[in-house]
C-alpha atoms as a PDB file:
ATOM      1  CA  UNK A   1     -10.105 -25.737  -4.960  1.00  0.00           C
ATOM      2  CA  UNK A   2     -11.195 -24.608  -1.294  1.00  0.00           C
ATOM      3  CA  UNK A   3     -15.222 -25.197  -2.251  1.00  0.00           C
ATOM      4  CA  UNK A   4     -14.004 -29.150  -3.309  1.00  0.00           C
ATOM      5  CA  UNK A   5     -11.914 -29.439  -0.085  1.00  0.00           C
ATOM      6  CA  UNK A   6     -15.424 -27.922   1.865  1.00  0.00           C
ATOM      7  CA  UNK A   7     -17.260 -30.374   0.245  1.00  0.00           C
ATOM      8  CA  UNK A   8     -15.308 -32.981   0.358  1.00  0.00           C
ATOM      9  CA  UNK A   9     -14.878 -32.295   4.183  1.00  0.00           C
ATOM     10  CA  UNK A  10     -18.174 -32.209   4.799  1.00  0.00           C
ATOM     11  CA  UNK A  11     -19.236 -35.308   2.845  1.00  0.00           C
ATOM     12  CA  UNK A  12     -16.909 -37.537   4.903  1.00  0.00           C
ATOM     13  CA  UNK A  13     -18.393 -35.930   8.003  1.00  0.00           C
ATOM     14  CA  UNK A  14     -21.797 -36.474   6.357  1.00  0.00           C
ATOM     15  CA  UNK A  15     -20.927 -40.176   5.718  1.00  0.00           C
ATOM     16  CA  UNK A  16     -19.246 -40.771   9.686  1.00  0.00           C
ATOM     17  CA  UNK A  17     -22.367 -39.430  11.504  1.00  0.00           C
ATOM     18  CA  UNK A  18     -24.308 -41.849   9.275  1.00  0.00           C
ATOM     19  CA  UNK A  19     -22.334 -44.807   8.111  1.00  0.00           C
ATOM     20  CA  UNK A  20     -23.555 -47.149  10.582  1.00  0.00           C
ATOM     21  CA  UNK A  21     -27.274 -46.616   8.633  1.00  0.00           C
ATOM     22  CA  UNK A  22     -25.980 -46.542   5.331  1.00  0.00           C
ATOM     23  CA  UNK A  23     -23.724 -50.170   6.136  1.00  0.00           C
ATOM     24  CA  UNK A  24     -26.759 -51.097   7.516  1.00  0.00           C
ATOM     25  CA  UNK A  25     -29.008 -50.729   4.939  1.00  0.00           C
ATOM     26  CA  UNK A  26     -26.149 -51.793   2.389  1.00  0.00           C
ATOM     27  CA  UNK A  27     -26.155 -55.391   3.943  1.00  0.00           C
ATOM     28  CA  UNK A  28     -30.578 -55.220   4.249  1.00  0.00           C
ATOM     29  CA  UNK A  29     -30.519 -54.537   0.275  1.00  0.00           C
ATOM     30  CA  UNK A  30     -27.839 -57.201  -0.567  1.00  0.00           C
ATOM     31  CA  UNK A  31     -29.603 -59.720   1.523  1.00  0.00           C
ATOM     32  CA  UNK A  32     -33.150 -59.178  -0.098  1.00  0.00           C
ATOM     33  CA  UNK A  33     -31.261 -59.579  -3.828  1.00  0.00           C
ATOM     34  CA  UNK A  34     -33.825 -62.929  -4.144  1.00  0.00           C
ATOM     35  CA  UNK A  35     -36.943 -60.657  -6.349  1.00  0.00           C
ATOM     36  CA  UNK A  36     -34.372 -60.657  -9.262  1.00  0.00           C
ATOM     37  CA  UNK A  37     -35.100 -64.553  -9.214  1.00  0.00           C
ATOM     38  CA  UNK A  38     -38.424 -63.216 -11.210  1.00  0.00           C
ATOM     39  CA  UNK A  39     -35.921 -62.222 -14.341  1.00  0.00           C
ATOM     40  CA  UNK A  40     -33.126 -64.517 -13.524  1.00  0.00           C
ATOM     41  CA  UNK A  41     -34.903 -67.850 -12.149  1.00  0.00           C
ATOM     42  CA  UNK A  42     -38.967 -67.517 -12.386  1.00  0.00           C
ATOM     43  CA  UNK A  43     -39.204 -71.742 -12.001  1.00  0.00           C
ATOM     44  CA  UNK A  44     -37.151 -71.816  -8.857  1.00  0.00           C
ATOM     45  CA  UNK A  45     -39.176 -69.607  -6.731  1.00  0.00           C
ATOM     46  CA  UNK A  46     -43.044 -70.426  -8.700  1.00  0.00           C
ATOM     47  CA  UNK A  47     -41.849 -74.178  -7.586  1.00  0.00           C
ATOM     48  CA  UNK A  48     -39.799 -74.129  -3.954  1.00  0.00           C
ATOM     49  CA  UNK A  49     -38.604 -71.718  -1.723  1.00  0.00           C
ATOM     50  CA  UNK A  50     -35.978 -68.314  -2.063  1.00  0.00           C
ATOM     51  CA  UNK A  51     -32.895 -71.106  -1.027  1.00  0.00           C
ATOM     52  CA  UNK A  52     -33.762 -73.068  -4.240  1.00  0.00           C
ATOM     53  CA  UNK A  53     -32.362 -69.726  -6.053  1.00  0.00           C
ATOM     54  CA  UNK A  54     -28.430 -71.270  -4.928  1.00  0.00           C
ATOM     55  CA  UNK A  55     -28.909 -74.486  -5.164  1.00  0.00           C
ATOM     56  CA  UNK A  56     -26.554 -76.847  -7.449  1.00  0.00           C
ATOM     57  CA  UNK A  57     -27.477 -77.086 -11.450  1.00  0.00           C
ATOM     58  CA  UNK A  58     -29.720 -73.825 -10.947  1.00  0.00           C
ATOM     59  CA  UNK A  59     -28.978 -71.237 -13.494  1.00  0.00           C
ATOM     60  CA  UNK A  60     -27.351 -67.833 -12.060  1.00  0.00           C
ATOM     61  CA  UNK A  61     -27.185 -69.699  -8.970  1.00  0.00           C
ATOM     62  CA  UNK A  62     -23.690 -67.716  -8.605  1.00  0.00           C
ATOM     63  CA  UNK A  63     -25.271 -65.002  -8.478  1.00  0.00           C
ATOM     64  CA  UNK A  64     -27.318 -65.371  -5.232  1.00  0.00           C
ATOM     65  CA  UNK A  65     -24.326 -67.070  -3.716  1.00  0.00           C
ATOM     66  CA  UNK A  66     -22.449 -64.203  -4.370  1.00  0.00           C
ATOM     67  CA  UNK A  67     -25.020 -61.383  -3.190  1.00  0.00           C
ATOM     68  CA  UNK A  68     -24.788 -63.428   0.353  1.00  0.00           C
ATOM     69  CA  UNK A  69     -21.498 -63.675   0.157  1.00  0.00           C
ATOM     70  CA  UNK A  70     -21.010 -59.934  -0.693  1.00  0.00           C
ATOM     71  CA  UNK A  71     -23.900 -59.438   2.646  1.00  0.00           C
ATOM     72  CA  UNK A  72     -21.737 -61.216   5.139  1.00  0.00           C
ATOM     73  CA  UNK A  73     -18.592 -59.123   4.220  1.00  0.00           C
ATOM     74  CA  UNK A  74     -20.925 -55.658   4.477  1.00  0.00           C
ATOM     75  CA  UNK A  75     -22.124 -57.091   7.659  1.00  0.00           C
ATOM     76  CA  UNK A  76     -18.089 -57.372   8.933  1.00  0.00           C
ATOM     77  CA  UNK A  77     -18.268 -53.813   7.748  1.00  0.00           C
ATOM     78  CA  UNK A  78     -21.123 -53.162  10.160  1.00  0.00           C
ATOM     79  CA  UNK A  79     -19.054 -55.013  13.391  1.00  0.00           C
ATOM     80  CA  UNK A  80     -16.363 -53.085  13.181  1.00  0.00           C
ATOM     81  CA  UNK A  81     -17.948 -49.442  12.588  1.00  0.00           C
ATOM     82  CA  UNK A  82     -20.370 -50.665  15.448  1.00  0.00           C
ATOM     83  CA  UNK A  83     -16.990 -51.595  17.735  1.00  0.00           C
ATOM     84  CA  UNK A  84     -15.122 -48.260  16.529  1.00  0.00           C
ATOM     85  CA  UNK A  85     -18.218 -45.983  17.126  1.00  0.00           C
ATOM     86  CA  UNK A  86     -19.015 -47.025  20.010  1.00  0.00           C
ATOM     87  CA  UNK A  87     -15.659 -47.892  21.877  1.00  0.00           C
ATOM     88  CA  UNK A  88     -16.666 -49.714  25.198  1.00  0.00           C
ATOM     89  CA  UNK A  89     -16.854 -53.162  26.402  1.00  0.00           C
ATOM     90  CA  UNK A  90     -20.464 -52.984  27.739  1.00  0.00           C
ATOM     91  CA  UNK A  91     -22.384 -56.108  27.281  1.00  0.00           C
ATOM     92  CA  UNK A  92     -25.205 -55.175  24.808  1.00  0.00           C
ATOM     93  CA  UNK A  93     -22.657 -54.381  22.667  1.00  0.00           C
ATOM     94  CA  UNK A  94     -21.173 -57.902  22.942  1.00  0.00           C
ATOM     95  CA  UNK A  95     -24.463 -59.299  21.922  1.00  0.00           C
ATOM     96  CA  UNK A  96     -25.040 -57.556  18.791  1.00  0.00           C
ATOM     97  CA  UNK A  97     -21.045 -58.105  17.539  1.00  0.00           C
ATOM     98  CA  UNK A  98     -21.424 -61.482  18.107  1.00  0.00           C
ATOM     99  CA  UNK A  99     -24.803 -61.449  16.915  1.00  0.00           C
ATOM    100  CA  UNK A 100     -23.985 -60.232  13.964  1.00  0.00           C
ATOM    101  CA  UNK A 101     -21.073 -62.169  13.928  1.00  0.00           C
ATOM    102  CA  UNK A 102     -23.221 -65.659  13.869  1.00  0.00           C
ATOM    103  CA  UNK A 103     -25.405 -64.178  11.045  1.00  0.00           C
ATOM    104  CA  UNK A 104     -22.597 -62.963   8.862  1.00  0.00           C
ATOM    105  CA  UNK A 105     -20.834 -66.502   9.258  1.00  0.00           C
ATOM    106  CA  UNK A 106     -24.153 -68.386   8.587  1.00  0.00           C
ATOM    107  CA  UNK A 107     -24.890 -66.300   5.544  1.00  0.00           C
ATOM    108  CA  UNK A 108     -21.883 -66.883   3.767  1.00  0.00           C
ATOM    109  CA  UNK A 109     -21.604 -70.852   4.534  1.00  0.00           C
ATOM    110  CA  UNK A 110     -24.769 -70.708   3.709  1.00  0.00           C
ATOM    111  CA  UNK A 111     -24.525 -69.555  -0.026  1.00  0.00           C
ATOM    112  CA  UNK A 112     -20.990 -71.806  -0.119  1.00  0.00           C
ATOM    113  CA  UNK A 113     -22.875 -75.139   1.085  1.00  0.00           C
ATOM    114  CA  UNK A 114     -25.672 -74.815  -0.865  1.00  0.00           C
ATOM    115  CA  UNK A 115     -29.222 -76.433  -1.518  1.00  0.00           C
ATOM    116  CA  UNK A 116     -28.019 -79.839  -3.454  1.00  0.00           C
ATOM    117  CA  UNK A 117     -31.155 -80.107  -5.624  1.00  0.00           C
ATOM    118  CA  UNK A 118     -30.066 -80.929  -9.569  1.00  0.00           C
ATOM    119  CA  UNK A 119     -32.751 -79.940 -11.538  1.00  0.00           C
ATOM    120  CA  UNK A 120     -35.777 -81.514  -9.112  1.00  0.00           C
ATOM    121  CA  UNK A 121     -36.551 -78.814  -6.706  1.00  0.00           C
ATOM    122  CA  UNK A 122     -38.893 -80.840  -5.203  1.00  0.00           C
ATOM    123  CA  UNK A 123     -36.492 -81.772  -2.469  1.00  0.00           C
ATOM    124  CA  UNK A 124     -35.197 -78.519  -1.995  1.00  0.00           C
ATOM    125  CA  UNK A 125     -36.171 -75.739   1.029  1.00  0.00           C
ATOM    126  CA  UNK A 126     -36.488 -76.971   4.559  1.00  0.00           C
ATOM    127  CA  UNK A 127     -38.982 -79.784   5.313  1.00  0.00           C
ATOM    128  CA  UNK A 128     -38.810 -81.997   8.366  1.00  0.00           C
ATOM    129  CA  UNK A 129     -37.423 -84.610   6.608  1.00  0.00           C
ATOM    130  CA  UNK A 130     -34.319 -82.677   5.929  1.00  0.00           C
ATOM    131  CA  UNK A 131     -34.128 -80.065   9.227  1.00  0.00           C
ATOM    132  CA  UNK A 132     -30.832 -81.722  10.236  1.00  0.00           C
ATOM    133  CA  UNK A 133     -28.800 -81.262   6.668  1.00  0.00           C
ATOM    134  CA  UNK A 134     -26.298 -78.676   6.685  1.00  0.00           C
ATOM    135  CA  UNK A 135     -27.670 -75.774   5.222  1.00  0.00           C
ATOM    136  CA  UNK A 136     -30.753 -75.650   7.106  1.00  0.00           C
ATOM    137  CA  UNK A 137     -28.673 -75.909  10.668  1.00  0.00           C
ATOM    138  CA  UNK A 138     -26.436 -73.560   9.546  1.00  0.00           C
ATOM    139  CA  UNK A 139     -29.261 -70.929   8.046  1.00  0.00           C
ATOM    140  CA  UNK A 140     -30.866 -70.806  11.978  1.00  0.00           C
ATOM    141  CA  UNK A 141     -27.365 -70.220  13.311  1.00  0.00           C
ATOM    142  CA  UNK A 142     -27.958 -66.791  11.080  1.00  0.00           C
ATOM    143  CA  UNK A 143     -31.695 -66.430  12.504  1.00  0.00           C
ATOM    144  CA  UNK A 144     -29.823 -67.261  16.239  1.00  0.00           C
ATOM    145  CA  UNK A 145     -27.000 -64.482  15.558  1.00  0.00           C
ATOM    146  CA  UNK A 146     -29.908 -62.158  14.111  1.00  0.00           C
ATOM    147  CA  UNK A 147     -31.922 -62.577  17.094  1.00  0.00           C
ATOM    148  CA  UNK A 148     -28.963 -62.112  19.320  1.00  0.00           C
ATOM    149  CA  UNK A 149     -27.818 -58.977  17.726  1.00  0.00           C
ATOM    150  CA  UNK A 150     -31.484 -57.409  17.814  1.00  0.00           C
ATOM    151  CA  UNK A 151     -31.163 -58.513  21.796  1.00  0.00           C
ATOM    152  CA  UNK A 152     -28.322 -56.123  22.437  1.00  0.00           C
ATOM    153  CA  UNK A 153     -29.578 -53.776  20.309  1.00  0.00           C
ATOM    154  CA  UNK A 154     -32.415 -53.373  22.611  1.00  0.00           C
ATOM    155  CA  UNK A 155     -30.153 -53.318  25.956  1.00  0.00           C
ATOM    156  CA  UNK A 156     -27.622 -50.753  24.169  1.00  0.00           C
ATOM    157  CA  UNK A 157     -31.219 -48.501  23.416  1.00  0.00           C
ATOM    158  CA  UNK A 158     -32.697 -49.014  26.788  1.00  0.00           C
ATOM    159  CA  UNK A 159     -29.189 -47.709  28.422  1.00  0.00           C
ATOM    160  CA  UNK A 160     -27.549 -45.700  26.114  1.00  0.00           C
ATOM    161  CA  UNK A 161     -30.096 -44.187  23.687  1.00  0.00           C
ATOM    162  CA  UNK A 162     -33.592 -44.576  24.865  1.00  0.00           C
ATOM    163  CA  UNK A 163     -34.812 -42.266  21.923  1.00  0.00           C
ATOM    164  CA  UNK A 164     -38.638 -43.179  22.160  1.00  0.00           C
ATOM    165  CA  UNK A 165     -39.284 -43.351  18.042  1.00  0.00           C
ATOM    166  CA  UNK A 166     -36.388 -45.712  18.009  1.00  0.00           C
ATOM    167  CA  UNK A 167     -38.069 -47.893  20.750  1.00  0.00           C
ATOM    168  CA  UNK A 168     -41.418 -47.922  18.367  1.00  0.00           C
ATOM    169  CA  UNK A 169     -39.326 -49.147  15.281  1.00  0.00           C
ATOM    170  CA  UNK A 170     -37.350 -51.821  17.952  1.00  0.00           C
ATOM    171  CA  UNK A 171     -40.286 -53.358  19.084  1.00  0.00           C
ATOM    172  CA  UNK A 172     -42.237 -53.980  15.991  1.00  0.00           C
ATOM    173  CA  UNK A 173     -39.893 -55.099  14.012  1.00  0.00           C
ATOM    174  CA  UNK A 174     -38.021 -57.187  16.797  1.00  0.00           C
ATOM    175  CA  UNK A 175     -42.144 -58.643  16.889  1.00  0.00           C
ATOM    176  CA  UNK A 176     -42.500 -58.988  13.580  1.00  0.00           C
ATOM    177  CA  UNK A 177     -39.340 -60.891  12.393  1.00  0.00           C
ATOM    178  CA  UNK A 178     -40.391 -63.184  15.333  1.00  0.00           C
ATOM    179  CA  UNK A 179     -43.574 -64.026  14.628  1.00  0.00           C
ATOM    180  CA  UNK A 180     -43.457 -64.275  10.778  1.00  0.00           C
ATOM    181  CA  UNK A 181     -40.334 -66.592  11.912  1.00  0.00           C
ATOM    182  CA  UNK A 182     -42.172 -69.039  13.578  1.00  0.00           C
ATOM    183  CA  UNK A 183     -44.633 -69.286  11.501  1.00  0.00           C
ATOM    184  CA  UNK A 184     -42.907 -70.045   8.482  1.00  0.00           C
ATOM    185  CA  UNK A 185     -41.311 -72.720  10.811  1.00  0.00           C
ATOM    186  CA  UNK A 186     -44.458 -74.509  11.495  1.00  0.00           C
ATOM    187  CA  UNK A 187     -45.583 -74.520   8.092  1.00  0.00           C
ATOM    188  CA  UNK A 188     -42.253 -76.511   7.375  1.00  0.00           C
ATOM    189  CA  UNK A 189     -43.710 -79.123   9.764  1.00  0.00           C
ATOM    190  CA  UNK A 190     -47.079 -79.436   8.952  1.00  0.00           C
ATOM    191  CA  UNK A 191     -47.604 -78.574   5.427  1.00  0.00           C
ATOM    192  CA  UNK A 192     -45.937 -77.038   2.197  1.00  0.00           C
ATOM    193  CA  UNK A 193     -43.252 -74.255   3.494  1.00  0.00           C
ATOM    194  CA  UNK A 194     -44.900 -71.532   2.575  1.00  0.00           C
ATOM    195  CA  UNK A 195     -43.019 -69.173   0.191  1.00  0.00           C
ATOM    196  CA  UNK A 196     -44.957 -65.955   1.174  1.00  0.00           C
ATOM    197  CA  UNK A 197     -44.078 -66.407   4.730  1.00  0.00           C
ATOM    198  CA  UNK A 198     -40.450 -66.790   3.368  1.00  0.00           C
ATOM    199  CA  UNK A 199     -40.606 -64.250   1.565  1.00  0.00           C
ATOM    200  CA  UNK A 200     -41.782 -61.861   4.284  1.00  0.00           C
ATOM    201  CA  UNK A 201     -39.422 -63.858   6.757  1.00  0.00           C
ATOM    202  CA  UNK A 202     -36.366 -62.378   4.434  1.00  0.00           C
ATOM    203  CA  UNK A 203     -37.517 -58.894   4.097  1.00  0.00           C
ATOM    204  CA  UNK A 204     -38.243 -58.596   7.666  1.00  0.00           C
ATOM    205  CA  UNK A 205     -34.664 -59.811   8.646  1.00  0.00           C
ATOM    206  CA  UNK A 206     -33.010 -57.644   6.322  1.00  0.00           C
ATOM    207  CA  UNK A 207     -34.497 -54.739   7.585  1.00  0.00           C
ATOM    208  CA  UNK A 208     -33.933 -55.908  11.614  1.00  0.00           C
ATOM    209  CA  UNK A 209     -30.107 -55.249  10.502  1.00  0.00           C
ATOM    210  CA  UNK A 210     -31.155 -52.187   9.158  1.00  0.00           C
ATOM    211  CA  UNK A 211     -32.852 -51.482  12.453  1.00  0.00           C
ATOM    212  CA  UNK A 212     -29.766 -52.398  14.499  1.00  0.00           C
ATOM    213  CA  UNK A 213     -27.648 -49.993  12.636  1.00  0.00           C
ATOM    214  CA  UNK A 214     -29.865 -47.123  13.007  1.00  0.00           C
ATOM    215  CA  UNK A 215     -29.997 -48.151  16.926  1.00  0.00           C
ATOM    216  CA  UNK A 216     -26.334 -48.078  17.439  1.00  0.00           C
ATOM    217  CA  UNK A 217     -26.242 -45.020  15.406  1.00  0.00           C
ATOM    218  CA  UNK A 218     -27.869 -43.104  18.116  1.00  0.00           C
ATOM    219  CA  UNK A 219     -27.459 -39.534  18.203  1.00  0.00           C
ATOM    220  CA  UNK A 220     -27.597 -39.019  22.166  1.00  0.00           C
ATOM    221  CA  UNK A 221     -27.644 -35.289  21.756  1.00  0.00           C
ATOM    222  CA  UNK A 222     -31.212 -35.678  20.241  1.00  0.00           C
ATOM    223  CA  UNK A 223     -32.802 -37.598  23.186  1.00  0.00           C
END
């Protein structure tokens, strides 16, 4: 019994130390369940963009909608963990809390207000013709929120953490995410939306959440 108690205490201590990274990783992975579309609804991915998996009347759309809703809940959990671990009112925390809140709200609302494609996938996705569609607008809000979260993480890193390896991770992820997002947006207005760029952008979005969690979980004693 004593051994089990020690193991339980150690396990709890380990989770508390790395909880931000664990929660952030959970959110990043849940946000990227779309590759399962190749098994559950391959035609949607072959004809359109990732958002088509959640479109009305598409098979298993509920599965992908649920994935985004659960992602938003896990991001809210991450926000609470950040507030508890970094328990002061510094501006950097406010940026990230607000940004992650927008990302969580946008992700959940985007799933609930899925694209209405019917069986015609040709009208789905992002395009200049439907840029003011509510789904696309709220998706932009989620992207803006993630940008604010990365900005806040950058301020925290500079003022509170300063770990060199985190500098490279944060800058590389932010740059890759920003460039990929801009290139994808350009293709939406000039040609057909690039599915490959959207795939990369979504993967980097999930990674960005993980990176924000890693930075806020910085152990200052090792810097």
